[in-house]
Amino acid sequence: MGFVDGASYYLGSGLTHPIALEGALKLKEITYAHCEGIFSSEFKHGPLSAVHDGYPVLFITAPGDESMMINHVNEVTTRGGRAIALAAESPALRANVHDYLVSPEADRFLAPILLTLPAQLIAYHMSVARGIDPDFPRNLSKTLTVD
């Protein structure tokens, strides 16, 4: 199973947790693939049981969180999962993942903005790879309604 074919997880911690939620939501909206955004420290309490050979897990990492995230990466790789990092260059993090998506170097508090764009672009490119027009997702409300 590849990233384009099935379900996945997006993990973030602290500043990157909302980005994991947004990236997973965008992936669901325009690719129709199941994806969950989760706080990385809570991943081992249930969702980790779904990880198997080749299962993709994207780790969205802010500067300063690399060593903690490496611990979470190892939880995935020891179960055969495919660990993908989205972060500024970090040799230690790179050495522990299968794929590395490099974001620009930035201050810890500016990095989340720079990490959001590639998380959304993954959804766009996956949608196109599946032959789905990302500009016209199905079954989504185009207006905000008040209940």
N, C-alpha and C. Protein backbone atom coordinates (compact mmCIF):
# COMPACT_ATOMS: atom_id res chain seq x y z
N MET A 1 0.85 -1.18 0.00
CA MET A 1 0.00 0.00 0.00
C MET A 1 0.89 1.23 0.00
N GLY A 2 0.61 2.18 -0.85
CA GLY A 2 1.37 3.42 -0.89
C GLY A 2 0.56 4.57 -0.34
N PHE A 3 1.18 5.74 -0.24
CA PHE A 3 0.53 6.91 0.31
C PHE A 3 -0.69 7.29 -0.52
N VAL A 4 -0.61 7.10 -1.82
CA VAL A 4 -1.72 7.48 -2.69
C VAL A 4 -2.87 6.49 -2.60
N ASP A 5 -2.60 5.26 -2.16
CA ASP A 5 -3.59 4.21 -2.23
C ASP A 5 -4.55 4.11 -1.06
N GLY A 6 -4.11 4.43 0.15
CA GLY A 6 -4.97 4.12 1.29
C GLY A 6 -4.94 5.14 2.40
N ALA A 7 -5.23 4.66 3.59
CA ALA A 7 -5.33 5.50 4.77
C ALA A 7 -3.95 5.91 5.28
N SER A 8 -3.94 6.93 6.13
CA SER A 8 -2.68 7.41 6.71
C SER A 8 -2.97 8.20 7.98
N TYR A 9 -1.91 8.53 8.67
CA TYR A 9 -1.98 9.39 9.85
C TYR A 9 -1.06 10.57 9.64
N TYR A 10 -1.47 11.72 10.17
CA TYR A 10 -0.63 12.90 10.24
C TYR A 10 -0.44 13.18 11.73
N LEU A 11 0.81 13.23 12.18
CA LEU A 11 1.08 13.46 13.59
C LEU A 11 1.81 14.78 13.79
N GLY A 12 1.40 15.51 14.81
CA GLY A 12 2.05 16.74 15.18
C GLY A 12 2.09 16.84 16.69
N SER A 13 2.89 17.75 17.17
CA SER A 13 3.02 17.94 18.61
C SER A 13 3.14 19.43 18.91
N GLY A 14 2.44 19.88 19.93
CA GLY A 14 2.52 21.30 20.30
C GLY A 14 2.07 22.19 19.15
N LEU A 15 2.99 22.99 18.64
CA LEU A 15 2.68 23.94 17.58
C LEU A 15 2.24 23.27 16.28
N THR A 16 2.64 22.03 16.07
CA THR A 16 2.32 21.37 14.80
C THR A 16 1.08 20.48 14.89
N HIS A 17 0.50 20.33 16.08
CA HIS A 17 -0.72 19.53 16.18
C HIS A 17 -1.85 20.09 15.31
N PRO A 18 -2.13 21.40 15.35
CA PRO A 18 -3.19 21.93 14.47
C PRO A 18 -2.89 21.73 12.98
N ILE A 19 -1.61 21.71 12.62
CA ILE A 19 -1.25 21.49 11.21
C ILE A 19 -1.56 20.06 10.82
N ALA A 20 -1.31 19.12 11.72
CA ALA A 20 -1.65 17.72 11.46
C ALA A 20 -3.16 17.57 11.26
N LEU A 21 -3.93 18.26 12.08
CA LEU A 21 -5.39 18.21 11.93
C LEU A 21 -5.83 18.80 10.60
N GLU A 22 -5.28 19.95 10.23
CA GLU A 22 -5.63 20.62 8.97
C GLU A 22 -5.20 19.78 7.77
N GLY A 23 -3.98 19.26 7.81
CA GLY A 23 -3.49 18.44 6.70
C GLY A 23 -4.34 17.20 6.49
N ALA A 24 -4.71 16.55 7.58
CA ALA A 24 -5.55 15.34 7.50
C ALA A 24 -6.93 15.68 6.97
N LEU A 25 -7.50 16.79 7.43
CA LEU A 25 -8.81 17.21 6.95
C LEU A 25 -8.77 17.49 5.46
N LYS A 26 -7.75 18.23 5.02
CA LYS A 26 -7.64 18.55 3.60
C LYS A 26 -7.50 17.28 2.77
N LEU A 27 -6.71 16.32 3.26
CA LEU A 27 -6.53 15.06 2.55
C LEU A 27 -7.88 14.34 2.40
N LYS A 28 -8.65 14.28 3.47
CA LYS A 28 -9.96 13.63 3.41
C LYS A 28 -10.90 14.34 2.45
N GLU A 29 -10.88 15.69 2.50
CA GLU A 29 -11.82 16.47 1.70
C GLU A 29 -11.61 16.32 0.20
N ILE A 30 -10.36 16.27 -0.25
CA ILE A 30 -10.15 16.30 -1.70
C ILE A 30 -9.57 15.01 -2.28
N THR A 31 -9.31 14.00 -1.44
CA THR A 31 -8.85 12.71 -1.99
C THR A 31 -9.78 11.57 -1.62
N TYR A 32 -10.63 11.80 -0.62
CA TYR A 32 -11.57 10.81 -0.11
C TYR A 32 -10.85 9.64 0.58
N ALA A 33 -9.57 9.80 0.87
CA ALA A 33 -8.81 8.79 1.61
C ALA A 33 -8.97 9.06 3.10
N HIS A 34 -8.99 8.01 3.88
CA HIS A 34 -9.09 8.21 5.32
C HIS A 34 -7.74 8.66 5.87
N CYS A 35 -7.77 9.71 6.64
CA CYS A 35 -6.56 10.23 7.27
C CYS A 35 -6.97 10.86 8.59
N GLU A 36 -6.18 10.60 9.62
CA GLU A 36 -6.45 11.19 10.92
C GLU A 36 -5.27 12.06 11.34
N GLY A 37 -5.57 13.22 11.86
CA GLY A 37 -4.57 14.07 12.47
C GLY A 37 -4.61 13.82 13.96
N ILE A 38 -3.46 13.55 14.54
CA ILE A 38 -3.41 13.14 15.94
C ILE A 38 -2.23 13.83 16.63
N PHE A 39 -2.39 14.11 17.91
CA PHE A 39 -1.30 14.59 18.74
C PHE A 39 -0.32 13.42 18.87
N SER A 40 0.92 13.62 18.49
CA SER A 40 1.86 12.50 18.36
C SER A 40 2.07 11.71 19.64
N SER A 41 1.99 12.35 20.79
CA SER A 41 2.17 11.62 22.06
C SER A 41 1.01 10.70 22.37
N GLU A 42 -0.14 10.93 21.78
CA GLU A 42 -1.32 10.10 22.02
C GLU A 42 -1.45 8.97 21.00
N PHE A 43 -0.57 8.94 20.03
CA PHE A 43 -0.66 7.97 18.95
C PHE A 43 -0.55 6.53 19.45
N LYS A 44 0.28 6.29 20.45
CA LYS A 44 0.49 4.92 20.91
C LYS A 44 -0.69 4.38 21.70
N HIS A 45 -1.66 5.21 22.00
CA HIS A 45 -2.82 4.77 22.78
C HIS A 45 -3.97 4.39 21.86
N GLY A 46 -3.75 3.46 20.97
CA GLY A 46 -4.81 2.95 20.11
C GLY A 46 -4.50 3.00 18.64
N PRO A 47 -4.34 4.21 18.05
CA PRO A 47 -4.15 4.29 16.60
C PRO A 47 -2.91 3.54 16.10
N LEU A 48 -1.89 3.41 16.92
CA LEU A 48 -0.67 2.70 16.51
C LEU A 48 -0.97 1.26 16.11
N SER A 49 -2.05 0.71 16.65
CA SER A 49 -2.39 -0.69 16.34
C SER A 49 -2.74 -0.89 14.86
N ALA A 50 -3.11 0.18 14.15
CA ALA A 50 -3.44 0.07 12.72
C ALA A 50 -2.21 0.04 11.83
N VAL A 51 -1.05 0.40 12.37
CA VAL A 51 0.17 0.48 11.56
C VAL A 51 0.65 -0.92 11.20
N HIS A 52 0.95 -1.11 9.93
CA HIS A 52 1.47 -2.39 9.42
C HIS A 52 2.48 -2.07 8.33
N ASP A 53 3.00 -3.09 7.69
CA ASP A 53 4.04 -2.89 6.67
C ASP A 53 3.63 -1.86 5.63
N GLY A 54 4.43 -0.82 5.53
CA GLY A 54 4.21 0.20 4.51
C GLY A 54 3.18 1.26 4.86
N TYR A 55 2.53 1.17 6.01
CA TYR A 55 1.49 2.13 6.38
C TYR A 55 2.12 3.52 6.56
N PRO A 56 1.65 4.53 5.82
CA PRO A 56 2.29 5.85 5.88
C PRO A 56 1.85 6.68 7.07
N VAL A 57 2.83 7.24 7.76
CA VAL A 57 2.59 8.14 8.87
C VAL A 57 3.47 9.37 8.65
N LEU A 58 2.83 10.54 8.55
CA LEU A 58 3.55 11.80 8.32
C LEU A 58 3.76 12.50 9.66
N PHE A 59 5.01 12.80 9.97
CA PHE A 59 5.38 13.49 11.21
C PHE A 59 5.70 14.94 10.89
N ILE A 60 4.85 15.86 11.33
CA ILE A 60 5.05 17.28 11.09
C ILE A 60 5.77 17.83 12.32
N THR A 61 7.00 18.33 12.11
CA THR A 61 7.89 18.62 13.22
C THR A 61 8.40 20.05 13.19
N ALA A 62 8.21 20.76 14.30
CA ALA A 62 8.72 22.12 14.45
C ALA A 62 10.15 22.08 14.98
N PRO A 63 10.93 23.12 14.74
CA PRO A 63 12.29 23.18 15.28
C PRO A 63 12.26 23.01 16.81
N GLY A 64 13.15 22.17 17.31
CA GLY A 64 13.23 21.90 18.73
C GLY A 64 12.48 20.66 19.17
N ASP A 65 11.62 20.12 18.31
CA ASP A 65 10.84 18.93 18.66
C ASP A 65 11.40 17.64 18.05
N GLU A 66 12.53 17.74 17.38
CA GLU A 66 13.05 16.59 16.62
C GLU A 66 13.31 15.37 17.50
N SER A 67 13.97 15.53 18.64
CA SER A 67 14.33 14.36 19.45
C SER A 67 13.09 13.65 19.99
N MET A 68 12.08 14.41 20.41
CA MET A 68 10.84 13.79 20.87
C MET A 68 10.15 13.08 19.71
N MET A 69 10.14 13.70 18.54
CA MET A 69 9.47 13.11 17.39
C MET A 69 10.19 11.84 16.93
N ILE A 70 11.50 11.79 17.07
CA ILE A 70 12.24 10.57 16.70
C ILE A 70 11.74 9.39 17.52
N ASN A 71 11.43 9.59 18.79
CA ASN A 71 10.86 8.52 19.60
C ASN A 71 9.55 8.01 19.01
N HIS A 72 8.73 8.93 18.55
CA HIS A 72 7.44 8.55 17.96
C HIS A 72 7.64 7.89 16.60
N VAL A 73 8.61 8.37 15.84
CA VAL A 73 8.95 7.74 14.56
C VAL A 73 9.33 6.28 14.77
N ASN A 74 10.14 6.03 15.78
CA ASN A 74 10.59 4.66 16.04
C ASN A 74 9.45 3.73 16.42
N GLU A 75 8.40 4.25 17.04
CA GLU A 75 7.21 3.43 17.33
C GLU A 75 6.58 2.92 16.03
N VAL A 76 6.62 3.75 15.02
CA VAL A 76 6.03 3.40 13.72
C VAL A 76 6.94 2.46 12.93
N THR A 77 8.22 2.80 12.86
CA THR A 77 9.13 2.01 12.02
C THR A 77 9.36 0.61 12.58
N THR A 78 9.32 0.44 13.90
CA THR A 78 9.49 -0.91 14.46
C THR A 78 8.31 -1.81 14.13
N ARG A 79 7.20 -1.23 13.71
CA ARG A 79 6.02 -2.01 13.31
C ARG A 79 5.89 -2.11 11.79
N GLY A 80 6.91 -1.66 11.09
CA GLY A 80 6.92 -1.77 9.64
C GLY A 80 6.28 -0.60 8.92
N GLY A 81 5.81 0.40 9.65
CA GLY A 81 5.19 1.55 9.03
C GLY A 81 6.20 2.40 8.27
N ARG A 82 5.68 3.21 7.36
CA ARG A 82 6.53 4.09 6.56
C ARG A 82 6.49 5.48 7.17
N ALA A 83 7.58 5.89 7.79
CA ALA A 83 7.67 7.19 8.45
C ALA A 83 8.12 8.25 7.45
N ILE A 84 7.36 9.33 7.41
CA ILE A 84 7.64 10.45 6.52
C ILE A 84 7.74 11.70 7.39
N ALA A 85 8.81 12.44 7.28
CA ALA A 85 8.97 13.67 8.07
C ALA A 85 8.70 14.88 7.20
N LEU A 86 8.01 15.84 7.77
CA LEU A 86 7.85 17.17 7.18
C LEU A 86 8.44 18.12 8.20
N ALA A 87 9.64 18.63 7.91
CA ALA A 87 10.36 19.45 8.88
C ALA A 87 11.50 20.19 8.18
N ALA A 88 12.06 21.17 8.89
CA ALA A 88 13.29 21.78 8.43
C ALA A 88 14.39 20.73 8.53
N GLU A 89 15.46 20.92 7.83
CA GLU A 89 16.53 19.91 7.78
C GLU A 89 17.03 19.56 9.20
N SER A 90 17.05 18.27 9.48
CA SER A 90 17.56 17.74 10.74
C SER A 90 18.20 16.39 10.44
N PRO A 91 19.52 16.30 10.49
CA PRO A 91 20.17 15.02 10.20
C PRO A 91 19.70 13.88 11.10
N ALA A 92 19.46 14.16 12.36
CA ALA A 92 19.00 13.11 13.28
C ALA A 92 17.62 12.60 12.89
N LEU A 93 16.71 13.51 12.57
CA LEU A 93 15.37 13.10 12.15
C LEU A 93 15.44 12.38 10.81
N ARG A 94 16.20 12.91 9.88
CA ARG A 94 16.34 12.29 8.56
C ARG A 94 16.83 10.85 8.66
N ALA A 95 17.73 10.58 9.58
CA ALA A 95 18.30 9.24 9.73
C ALA A 95 17.29 8.22 10.23
N ASN A 96 16.16 8.68 10.74
CA ASN A 96 15.18 7.76 11.32
C ASN A 96 13.91 7.58 10.50
N VAL A 97 13.78 8.29 9.39
CA VAL A 97 12.55 8.20 8.59
C VAL A 97 12.86 7.63 7.20
N HIS A 98 11.82 7.20 6.52
CA HIS A 98 11.97 6.69 5.16
C HIS A 98 12.02 7.81 4.12
N ASP A 99 11.17 8.81 4.31
CA ASP A 99 11.08 9.92 3.37
C ASP A 99 11.13 11.23 4.15
N TYR A 100 11.69 12.25 3.51
CA TYR A 100 11.87 13.53 4.20
C TYR A 100 11.41 14.66 3.28
N LEU A 101 10.45 15.42 3.73
CA LEU A 101 9.98 16.60 3.01
C LEU A 101 10.54 17.81 3.74
N VAL A 102 11.45 18.52 3.10
CA VAL A 102 12.16 19.60 3.76
C VAL A 102 11.37 20.91 3.66
N SER A 103 11.17 21.54 4.80
CA SER A 103 10.57 22.87 4.82
C SER A 103 11.70 23.88 5.06
N PRO A 104 11.46 25.13 4.75
CA PRO A 104 12.50 26.14 4.97
C PRO A 104 12.82 26.30 6.45
N GLU A 105 14.07 26.65 6.73
CA GLU A 105 14.48 26.96 8.10
C GLU A 105 13.71 28.20 8.55
N ALA A 106 13.21 28.16 9.79
CA ALA A 106 12.47 29.31 10.30
C ALA A 106 12.46 29.27 11.82
N ASP A 107 12.13 30.39 12.39
CA ASP A 107 11.91 30.50 13.82
C ASP A 107 10.82 29.49 14.23
N ARG A 108 10.92 28.99 15.43
CA ARG A 108 9.97 27.99 15.94
C ARG A 108 8.51 28.44 15.79
N PHE A 109 8.25 29.71 15.95
CA PHE A 109 6.87 30.20 15.90
C PHE A 109 6.42 30.59 14.49
N LEU A 110 7.33 30.70 13.57
CA LEU A 110 6.99 30.95 12.17
C LEU A 110 6.89 29.63 11.40
N ALA A 111 7.59 28.63 11.85
CA ALA A 111 7.62 27.33 11.17
C ALA A 111 6.23 26.74 10.91
N PRO A 112 5.28 26.83 11.84
CA PRO A 112 3.96 26.24 11.57
C PRO A 112 3.29 26.78 10.30
N ILE A 113 3.51 28.05 10.01
CA ILE A 113 2.93 28.62 8.79
C ILE A 113 3.58 27.96 7.57
N LEU A 114 4.89 27.80 7.62
CA LEU A 114 5.61 27.19 6.50
C LEU A 114 5.35 25.70 6.38
N LEU A 115 4.96 25.05 7.45
CA LEU A 115 4.66 23.61 7.40
C LEU A 115 3.24 23.34 6.91
N THR A 116 2.35 24.30 7.05
CA THR A 116 0.96 24.13 6.63
C THR A 116 0.85 23.98 5.11
N LEU A 117 1.59 24.78 4.39
CA LEU A 117 1.49 24.77 2.92
C LEU A 117 1.85 23.41 2.32
N PRO A 118 2.98 22.79 2.69
CA PRO A 118 3.26 21.48 2.11
C PRO A 118 2.26 20.41 2.54
N ALA A 119 1.73 20.52 3.75
CA ALA A 119 0.71 19.55 4.19
C ALA A 119 -0.52 19.64 3.28
N GLN A 120 -0.89 20.84 2.90
CA GLN A 120 -2.02 21.02 1.98
C GLN A 120 -1.66 20.59 0.56
N LEU A 121 -0.42 20.86 0.15
CA LEU A 121 0.01 20.47 -1.20
C LEU A 121 0.06 18.95 -1.38
N ILE A 122 0.35 18.23 -0.32
CA ILE A 122 0.31 16.76 -0.39
C ILE A 122 -1.10 16.32 -0.79
N ALA A 123 -2.11 16.92 -0.16
CA ALA A 123 -3.50 16.59 -0.49
C ALA A 123 -3.80 16.93 -1.95
N TYR A 124 -3.36 18.09 -2.39
CA TYR A 124 -3.59 18.50 -3.78
C TYR A 124 -2.98 17.48 -4.76
N HIS A 125 -1.70 17.15 -4.56
CA HIS A 125 -1.03 16.24 -5.49
C HIS A 125 -1.59 14.82 -5.42
N MET A 126 -1.98 14.40 -4.25
CA MET A 126 -2.59 13.08 -4.12
C MET A 126 -3.94 13.04 -4.83
N SER A 127 -4.70 14.13 -4.74
CA SER A 127 -5.98 14.22 -5.44
C SER A 127 -5.78 14.12 -6.95
N VAL A 128 -4.83 14.87 -7.47
CA VAL A 128 -4.54 14.84 -8.90
C VAL A 128 -4.07 13.44 -9.32
N ALA A 129 -3.22 12.81 -8.51
CA ALA A 129 -2.72 11.46 -8.82
C ALA A 129 -3.85 10.44 -8.86
N ARG A 130 -4.90 10.68 -8.09
CA ARG A 130 -6.06 9.78 -8.09
C ARG A 130 -7.07 10.12 -9.19
N GLY A 131 -6.80 11.18 -9.94
CA GLY A 131 -7.72 11.57 -11.00
C GLY A 131 -8.93 12.34 -10.49
N ILE A 132 -8.81 12.96 -9.33
CA ILE A 132 -9.90 13.72 -8.72
C ILE A 132 -9.59 15.21 -8.86
N ASP A 133 -10.56 15.98 -9.28
CA ASP A 133 -10.37 17.42 -9.40
C ASP A 133 -10.44 18.04 -8.00
N PRO A 134 -9.34 18.54 -7.47
CA PRO A 134 -9.34 19.08 -6.10
C PRO A 134 -10.18 20.34 -5.94
N ASP A 135 -10.54 20.99 -7.04
CA ASP A 135 -11.36 22.19 -6.96
C ASP A 135 -12.85 21.91 -6.83
N PHE A 136 -13.23 20.65 -7.02
CA PHE A 136 -14.65 20.29 -6.94
C PHE A 136 -14.84 19.02 -6.10
N PRO A 137 -14.54 19.11 -4.80
CA PRO A 137 -14.73 17.93 -3.94
C PRO A 137 -16.22 17.60 -3.81
N ARG A 138 -16.49 16.33 -3.69
CA ARG A 138 -17.88 15.89 -3.59
C ARG A 138 -18.39 16.01 -2.15
N ASN A 139 -19.67 16.17 -2.02
CA ASN A 139 -20.38 16.10 -0.74
C ASN A 139 -19.96 17.13 0.30
N LEU A 140 -19.32 18.23 -0.11
CA LEU A 140 -18.97 19.26 0.86
C LEU A 140 -19.90 20.45 0.70
N SER A 141 -20.33 21.00 1.81
CA SER A 141 -21.15 22.19 1.78
C SER A 141 -20.31 23.37 1.33
N LYS A 142 -20.86 24.15 0.43
CA LYS A 142 -20.14 25.30 -0.10
C LYS A 142 -20.42 26.56 0.71
N THR A 143 -21.36 26.49 1.64
CA THR A 143 -21.68 27.66 2.47
C THR A 143 -21.74 27.24 3.92
N LEU A 144 -21.57 28.20 4.77
CA LEU A 144 -21.65 27.97 6.21
C LEU A 144 -23.10 28.17 6.62
N THR A 145 -23.66 27.20 7.28
CA THR A 145 -25.03 27.32 7.76
C THR A 145 -25.02 27.24 9.28
N VAL A 146 -25.99 27.89 9.88
CA VAL A 146 -26.12 27.88 11.33
C VAL A 146 -27.22 26.90 11.69
N ASP A 147 -26.90 25.99 12.60
CA ASP A 147 -27.92 25.02 13.02
C ASP A 147 -28.89 25.62 14.01
